[in-house]
Protein backbone atom coordinates (compact mmCIF):
# COMPACT_ATOMS: atom_id res chain seq x y z
CA MET A 1 117.85 153.48 75.92
CA PRO A 2 118.36 149.74 75.66
CA ARG A 3 115.56 147.59 76.96
CA ARG A 4 116.27 146.10 80.41
CA ALA A 5 116.88 142.38 80.31
CA HIS A 6 114.07 140.25 81.71
CA LYS A 7 114.88 136.99 83.42
CA LYS A 8 112.25 134.45 82.41
CA SER A 9 110.94 131.90 84.86
CA ARG A 10 111.26 128.43 83.34
CA ASN A 11 109.66 126.67 86.30
CA GLY A 12 106.07 128.04 86.02
CA CYS A 13 103.08 125.72 85.58
CA LEU A 14 101.89 124.66 82.20
CA GLU A 15 98.63 126.56 82.40
CA CYS A 16 100.35 129.89 83.18
CA LYS A 17 102.73 129.31 80.29
CA ARG A 18 99.80 128.61 78.00
CA ARG A 19 98.12 131.87 79.13
CA HIS A 20 101.42 133.79 78.93
CA ILE A 21 101.16 135.10 82.48
CA LYS A 22 103.64 135.17 85.32
CA CYS A 23 103.41 132.11 87.59
CA ASN A 24 104.41 132.35 91.29
CA GLU A 25 105.31 128.62 91.12
CA ASN A 26 103.45 127.59 94.28
CA ARG A 27 102.86 123.87 94.41
CA PRO A 28 100.70 121.90 93.96
CA ILE A 29 98.57 124.81 92.71
CA CYS A 30 99.90 128.26 91.81
CA SER A 31 97.96 131.38 92.82
CA ASN A 32 96.71 132.04 89.29
CA CYS A 33 95.19 128.58 88.98
CA THR A 34 93.77 128.76 92.48
CA VAL A 35 91.92 131.94 91.69
CA SER A 36 90.67 130.79 88.30
CA GLU A 37 90.09 127.16 89.44
CA ARG A 38 92.09 125.74 86.59
CA VAL A 39 94.00 122.46 86.51
CA CYS A 40 97.57 123.27 87.60
CA GLU A 41 100.30 121.00 86.39
CA TYR A 42 104.07 121.29 86.21
CA GLY A 43 106.00 119.85 83.32
CA ILE A 44 108.75 117.24 83.63
CA ASN A 45 112.45 117.97 83.56
CA VAL A 46 111.97 121.18 85.48
CA PHE A 47 113.72 120.25 88.68
CA LYS A 48 116.32 117.63 89.29
CA ILE A 49 115.09 114.69 91.38
CA THR A 50 116.33 115.00 94.90
CA ARG A 51 116.12 112.67 97.82
CA PRO A 52 112.59 112.88 99.37
CA VAL A 53 112.18 114.89 102.53
CA ASP A 54 109.47 114.75 105.14
CA THR A 55 107.48 117.61 103.58
CA PRO A 56 105.09 116.15 100.97
CA SER A 57 104.46 117.84 97.67
CA CYS A 58 102.77 116.74 94.48
CA SER A 59 103.09 116.96 90.74
CA ALA A 60 102.15 114.88 87.72
CA THR A 61 104.02 112.06 86.11
CA SER A 62 103.41 108.72 84.41
CA ALA A 63 103.32 105.33 86.11
CA SER A 64 104.12 101.80 85.06
CA LEU A 65 104.04 98.41 86.66
CA SER A 66 107.19 97.33 88.47
CA PRO A 67 107.82 93.61 87.93
CA ALA A 68 109.93 93.32 91.06
CA THR A 69 107.23 94.22 93.51
CA ASN A 70 103.97 94.25 91.48
CA LEU A 71 103.62 97.84 92.60
CA PRO A 72 103.63 100.73 90.14
CA SER A 73 106.48 103.10 89.89
CA GLY A 74 106.92 106.34 88.12
CA ARG A 75 109.75 108.42 86.59
CA SER A 76 109.47 112.18 86.77
CA SER A 77 111.53 115.23 87.54
CA LEU A 78 109.79 115.69 90.83
CA SER A 79 111.24 117.45 93.83
CA PRO A 80 110.06 119.03 97.07
CA ASN A 81 108.80 122.56 96.89
CA PRO A 82 111.51 125.05 95.87
CA GLY A 83 113.19 126.86 98.73
CA THR A 84 113.71 125.92 102.32
CA PRO A 85 110.84 124.59 104.46
CA GLN A 86 110.48 127.85 106.30
CA ASP A 87 110.15 129.67 102.95
CA ALA A 88 107.49 127.30 101.61
CA PRO A 89 103.86 128.53 101.95
CA VAL A 90 101.48 126.41 104.00
CA ASN A 91 99.31 124.32 101.73
CA MET A 92 95.82 124.50 103.20
CA LEU A 93 94.46 122.10 100.60
CA HIS A 94 96.71 119.35 101.97
CA MET A 95 95.46 120.19 105.47
CA GLU A 96 91.91 119.75 104.18
CA PHE A 97 92.76 116.33 102.75
CA PHE A 98 94.53 115.22 105.94
CA TYR A 99 91.63 116.32 108.19
CA HIS A 100 89.12 114.59 105.91
CA LEU A 101 91.25 111.46 105.86
CA TYR A 102 91.11 111.08 109.60
CA THR A 103 87.59 112.23 110.26
CA GLU A 104 85.72 110.64 107.39
CA THR A 105 87.79 108.44 104.97
CA PHE A 106 89.31 106.07 107.50
CA PRO A 107 86.20 105.77 109.71
CA GLU A 108 84.15 104.85 106.64
CA LEU A 109 86.66 102.04 105.73
CA ASP A 110 86.10 100.31 109.07
CA ARG A 111 84.17 102.15 111.76
CA LYS A 112 85.59 100.11 114.59
CA LYS A 113 89.34 99.91 113.98
CA PHE A 114 90.97 101.79 111.17
CA ALA A 115 91.07 105.34 112.63
CA ASP A 116 92.51 104.10 115.99
CA HIS A 117 95.20 102.13 114.25
CA PHE A 118 96.04 105.09 112.09
CA LEU A 119 96.74 107.18 115.20
CA SER A 120 99.08 104.58 116.56
CA ILE A 121 101.17 104.37 113.42
CA MET A 122 101.06 108.02 112.37
CA PRO A 123 104.60 108.83 113.58
CA GLN A 124 106.05 106.13 111.32
CA LEU A 125 103.93 107.06 108.31
CA LEU A 126 104.86 110.76 108.49
CA LYS A 127 108.52 109.79 108.01
CA ALA A 128 107.59 108.20 104.69
CA PRO A 129 106.72 110.92 102.13
CA TYR A 130 105.44 108.36 99.57
CA VAL A 131 102.87 107.17 102.14
CA VAL A 132 101.82 110.69 103.03
CA ASN A 133 101.17 111.59 99.42
CA GLU A 134 99.17 108.41 98.77
CA LEU A 135 97.08 109.00 101.91
CA LEU A 136 96.29 112.55 100.75
CA ALA A 137 95.52 111.20 97.28
CA PHE A 138 93.06 108.70 98.73
CA SER A 139 91.38 111.40 100.78
CA ALA A 140 91.08 113.59 97.65
CA LEU A 141 89.46 110.72 95.76
CA HIS A 142 86.95 110.27 98.59
CA LEU A 143 86.13 113.97 98.43
CA SER A 144 85.56 113.67 94.71
CA THR A 145 82.75 111.16 95.40
CA LYS A 146 81.16 113.34 98.07
CA HIS A 147 81.18 116.61 96.09
CA PRO A 148 80.04 115.97 92.51
CA GLU A 149 80.19 119.68 91.74
CA ARG A 150 83.98 119.62 92.28
CA GLN A 151 84.58 116.06 91.13
CA GLU A 152 87.19 116.77 88.52
CA TYR A 153 89.02 119.23 90.79
CA TYR A 154 89.47 116.62 93.53
CA ARG A 155 90.21 113.79 91.06
CA THR A 156 92.94 115.82 89.46
CA HIS A 157 94.60 116.40 92.86
CA ALA A 158 94.18 112.73 93.68
CA ALA A 159 96.01 111.75 90.48
CA GLN A 160 98.79 114.29 91.01
CA LEU A 161 99.37 113.23 94.59
CA GLN A 162 99.36 109.56 93.73
CA THR A 163 101.81 109.86 90.88
CA HIS A 164 104.13 111.93 93.07
CA ALA A 165 103.88 109.18 95.73
CA LEU A 166 104.87 106.61 93.17
CA ALA A 167 107.82 108.68 92.00
CA ILE A 168 109.06 109.10 95.53
CA PHE A 169 108.53 105.37 96.16
CA LYS A 170 110.71 104.47 93.22
CA GLU A 171 113.42 106.90 94.10
CA THR A 172 113.57 105.74 97.71
CA ASP A 173 114.22 102.13 96.68
CA LEU A 174 113.53 100.70 100.15
CA GLU A 175 114.47 97.32 101.57
CA VAL A 176 111.86 95.50 103.63
CA ASN A 177 112.95 95.52 107.23
CA GLN A 178 111.52 96.24 110.67
CA GLU A 179 111.65 99.95 110.15
CA THR A 180 110.10 100.05 106.65
CA CYS A 181 107.61 97.17 106.78
CA VAL A 182 104.74 99.21 108.29
CA PRO A 183 104.94 102.14 105.84
CA LEU A 184 105.41 99.73 102.93
CA PHE A 185 102.39 97.59 103.95
CA PHE A 186 100.22 100.67 104.49
CA PHE A 187 101.28 102.21 101.17
CA SER A 188 100.55 99.07 99.16
CA ALA A 189 97.18 98.53 100.91
CA ILE A 190 95.92 102.07 100.38
CA LEU A 191 97.26 102.15 96.85
CA GLY A 192 95.28 98.93 96.10
CA LEU A 193 92.09 100.42 97.63
CA HIS A 194 92.56 103.67 95.70
CA THR A 195 92.92 101.86 92.37
CA LEU A 196 89.97 99.56 93.05
CA CYS A 197 87.72 102.50 93.88
CA ASP A 198 88.88 104.48 90.83
CA VAL A 199 88.21 101.54 88.52
CA LEU A 200 84.76 100.78 89.91
CA VAL A 201 83.40 104.29 90.48
CA TYR A 202 84.99 106.24 87.60
CA ARG A 203 84.58 103.68 84.89
CA ASP A 204 83.46 104.13 81.30
CA ASN A 205 80.90 101.89 79.55
CA ASP A 206 83.44 99.99 77.51
CA PHE A 207 83.53 96.54 79.17
CA GLU A 208 86.69 95.48 77.31
CA GLN A 209 88.62 98.46 78.63
CA PHE A 210 87.10 97.96 82.01
CA VAL A 211 88.42 94.39 82.22
CA ASP A 212 91.91 95.58 81.30
CA LYS A 213 91.85 98.21 84.06
CA PHE A 214 90.40 95.71 86.53
CA VAL A 215 93.22 93.27 85.76
CA HIS A 216 95.75 96.05 86.33
CA CYS A 217 94.02 96.69 89.68
CA PHE A 218 94.32 92.99 90.56
CA ARG A 219 98.03 93.10 89.85
CA LEU A 220 98.48 96.09 92.15
CA HIS A 221 96.71 94.15 94.88
CA ARG A 222 99.23 91.40 94.41
CA GLY A 223 101.77 93.90 95.71
CA VAL A 224 100.08 93.80 99.10
CA ARG A 225 100.50 90.05 99.19
CA ALA A 226 104.14 90.25 98.06
CA ILE A 227 104.99 92.75 100.87
CA CYS A 228 103.08 90.66 103.37
CA ALA A 229 105.01 87.55 102.37
CA LYS A 230 108.37 89.32 102.83
CA ALA A 231 107.42 91.12 106.03
CA TRP A 232 104.92 88.78 107.74
CA ASP A 233 107.05 88.11 110.82
CA MET A 234 108.11 91.76 111.05
CA LEU A 235 104.51 92.99 110.81
CA HIS A 236 103.56 90.71 113.71
CA GLN A 237 106.22 92.44 115.76
CA SER A 238 105.09 95.94 114.80
CA VAL A 239 102.32 98.31 115.91
CA LEU A 240 100.13 96.74 113.24
CA GLU A 241 100.07 93.36 115.05
CA PRO A 242 96.42 93.69 116.30
CA LEU A 243 95.25 94.68 112.79
CA ILE A 244 97.19 91.84 111.12
CA THR A 245 95.95 89.29 113.63
CA ASP A 246 92.31 90.36 113.23
CA GLY A 247 92.54 90.30 109.47
CA SER A 248 94.19 86.87 109.44
CA SER A 249 91.51 85.33 111.61
CA LEU A 250 88.80 86.39 109.13
CA TYR A 251 90.48 84.72 106.12
CA GLN A 252 90.45 81.08 107.17
CA PHE A 253 89.01 78.51 104.74
CA ASP A 254 87.56 75.57 106.58
CA GLY A 255 87.10 73.42 103.50
CA ARG A 256 83.37 73.98 103.19
CA LEU A 257 81.71 75.75 100.29
CA GLY A 258 78.37 77.56 100.42
CA ALA A 259 75.62 76.75 97.94
CA GLY A 260 76.69 79.36 95.40
CA CYS A 261 80.40 78.45 95.34
CA GLU A 262 79.65 74.75 95.45
CA LYS A 263 77.45 74.96 92.35
CA LEU A 264 80.07 77.09 90.61
CA LEU A 265 82.82 74.55 91.34
CA HIS A 266 80.55 71.72 90.12
CA LEU A 267 80.00 73.53 86.82
CA VAL A 268 83.73 74.06 86.34
CA GLN A 269 84.54 70.45 87.07
CA ALA A 270 81.74 69.20 84.78
CA ALA A 271 83.14 71.38 81.93
CA LYS A 272 86.23 69.09 81.76
CA LEU A 273 88.69 71.94 81.21
CA GLY A 274 91.72 69.91 82.13
CA ALA A 275 93.55 69.59 85.45
CA THR A 276 95.51 72.84 85.25
CA LEU A 277 92.59 75.14 84.49
CA THR A 278 90.29 73.35 86.90
CA ASP A 279 92.79 73.75 89.73
CA ILE A 280 93.28 77.47 89.05
CA TYR A 281 89.51 78.05 89.08
CA LYS A 282 89.06 75.84 92.17
CA GLN A 283 91.53 77.99 94.08
CA ALA A 284 89.83 81.20 92.95
CA ILE A 285 86.41 79.81 94.07
CA GLU A 286 87.84 78.75 97.45
CA HIS A 287 89.33 82.25 97.92
CA LEU A 288 85.92 83.69 97.02
CA GLN A 289 84.33 81.55 99.77
CA THR A 290 86.95 82.73 102.24
CA SER A 291 86.27 86.37 101.29
CA THR A 292 82.54 85.83 101.63
CA ASN A 293 83.05 84.37 105.11
CA ALA A 294 85.28 87.35 106.04
CA LEU A 295 82.62 89.79 104.91
CA MET A 296 79.92 88.02 106.91
CA ALA A 297 82.13 87.70 110.00
CA ALA A 298 83.01 91.39 109.90
CA GLY A 299 79.45 92.27 110.95
CA SER A 300 77.77 95.24 109.39
CA LEU A 301 78.28 95.18 105.58
CA ALA A 302 78.28 98.92 105.27
CA GLY A 303 80.82 99.29 108.06
CA SER A 304 83.61 97.06 106.75
CA ILE A 305 85.68 96.53 103.63
CA HIS A 306 86.72 92.98 104.59
CA GLY A 307 85.98 90.36 101.94
CA SER A 308 85.16 92.76 99.16
CA THR A 309 88.75 93.96 99.05
CA GLY A 310 90.37 90.69 100.22
CA TRP A 311 89.70 88.50 97.17
CA PRO A 312 91.82 90.62 94.69
CA VAL A 313 94.81 90.03 97.04
CA LEU A 314 94.26 86.30 97.29
CA VAL A 315 93.74 85.21 93.68
CA SER A 316 96.65 83.72 91.77
CA PRO A 317 98.51 85.37 88.87
CA GLU A 318 97.36 82.48 86.67
CA TYR A 319 93.72 83.35 87.29
CA ILE A 320 94.42 87.02 86.52
CA ASP A 321 95.98 86.02 83.22
CA LEU A 322 92.86 83.97 82.34
CA LEU A 323 90.70 86.97 83.15
CA LEU A 324 92.78 89.11 80.84
CA GLN A 325 92.13 86.57 78.10
CA ARG A 326 88.36 86.93 78.74
CA ARG A 327 87.99 83.20 79.48
CA PRO A 328 84.26 82.71 80.10
CA GLU A 329 84.81 80.68 83.31
CA ALA A 330 87.14 83.34 84.73
CA LEU A 331 84.52 86.04 83.95
CA VAL A 332 81.82 83.97 85.66
CA ILE A 333 83.95 83.74 88.82
CA LEU A 334 84.51 87.52 88.58
CA ALA A 335 80.73 87.97 88.42
CA HIS A 336 80.39 85.95 91.61
CA TYR A 337 82.96 88.26 93.24
CA ALA A 338 80.77 91.11 92.14
CA ILE A 339 78.13 89.81 94.55
CA LEU A 340 80.40 90.98 97.37
CA LEU A 341 80.87 94.41 95.76
CA HIS A 342 77.08 94.66 95.22
CA SER A 343 76.43 93.84 98.88
CA CYS A 344 78.57 96.90 99.77
CA ARG A 345 76.99 99.19 97.23
CA ASP A 346 76.32 101.87 99.83
CA SER A 347 80.08 102.29 100.27
CA TRP A 348 81.67 105.24 98.46
CA MET A 349 84.41 102.94 97.29
CA PHE A 350 82.22 100.61 95.28
CA GLY A 351 78.96 102.37 94.34
CA ASP A 352 77.12 100.41 91.67
CA GLY A 353 80.28 98.72 90.46
CA GLY A 354 79.04 95.29 91.41
CA ARG A 355 75.85 95.66 89.43
CA PHE A 356 77.81 96.96 86.42
CA LEU A 357 80.13 93.96 86.56
CA ILE A 358 77.32 91.37 86.75
CA GLU A 359 75.25 92.94 84.00
CA SER A 360 78.23 93.49 81.73
CA ILE A 361 79.45 89.94 82.11
CA ARG A 362 75.92 88.64 81.44
CA ASP A 363 75.72 90.70 78.22
CA PHE A 364 79.24 89.76 77.16
CA LEU A 365 78.77 85.98 77.60
CA GLY A 366 75.19 85.78 76.31
CA PRO A 367 72.34 83.41 77.19
CA ASP A 368 74.42 80.21 77.01
CA TRP A 369 75.93 81.11 80.35
CA THR A 370 72.71 81.87 82.20
CA GLU A 371 72.97 78.78 84.45
CA TRP A 372 76.54 79.70 85.42
CA LEU A 373 75.40 83.22 86.36
CA GLU A 374 72.41 82.14 88.49
CA TRP A 375 73.75 83.49 91.77
CA PRO A 376 75.12 86.84 90.53
CA LEU A 377 71.79 87.51 88.71
CA LYS A 378 69.88 86.71 91.90
CA ALA A 379 72.03 89.21 93.75
CA LEU A 380 70.70 92.11 91.72
CA ASP A 381 67.17 91.53 92.99
CA SER A 382 67.87 90.27 96.51
CA PRO A 383 68.66 92.00 99.83
CA ALA A 384 72.36 91.72 100.45
CA GLU A 385 72.70 89.94 103.80
CA PRO A 386 70.12 87.07 103.24
CA LEU A 387 71.78 86.26 99.84
CA LEU A 388 75.27 86.25 101.31
CA GLN A 389 74.15 83.98 104.17
CA VAL A 390 73.03 81.39 101.65
CA PHE A 391 75.96 82.10 99.28
CA GLY A 392 78.32 81.76 102.21
């Protein structure tokens, strides 16, 4: 009797194909990988890209920097879960991420405000699948820091959800208008925080590679500023108006520099680097002062991300280029920014990233730059708030 033809599934995950077992094609994790706790990934060119729908899903792809918006974008054959919404199984892992996002991740960003604002804008965010995927990714990253025993598991899901968010973002190709400005702003802001945390907490010990990744992170933060510039008036007419107004009031430079920034500017000017370089560094130092003031004005250091996340958004592209070149003066300014990170070392987003930056820059530059690094080195042995009060 002739053997009955068997219709092969070509849409199974890569792990099931490697193990030569039947995959039920559930996303983001099939049943086999769920049971065996393996990394579940789906290959590209499996499904045709379709217009995003309101039901988020995730897969893996690659990302690159988009020159138009300074936000990354990805290209992948991603699509929503196969089948109609009523046929798709409920993804309890996503529910876990969403619950954790609201109850722990957002409250730890800013205990006073963030969670309440999130509730007010949730209806708009749920209409933007790229935002939903990035929010779930950010929550998964937070969980990876809270549960070391499942760190890789959560980090893998964070990466899959983020890359899917980027793919949807690129495919959607949105214009900045009154309807889209809130999701776009929120997406770029959370994407910037996600990347900063990933660079600082999950770093390797290669300082050269760390600087490259940090520069990439700075360029992503520039996307926040680009969107703000295009949508500033619209955001002031949106549900984010209280959050935007509060944030703006914190980042006001009154022309005065604290002792640390004043000494740093004096050293830059005395080095006679030329008018162009001196002006670039002067602006970066003034933005550093503004960020320090914002951190101090926000109150409890452990309860706010102001200042420590503001400076990467404010610095100029020219300064970022100098940092990429490993210019000593640019690295010294970065070490002074690390004081803000070190002051928030109890935050899950930063950990000991500030200390790592200061010590790595000290070792990279050598003893000739000890005077320039006086304040950052003091920060390693001083309580956070007294040092910032003098530094500010």
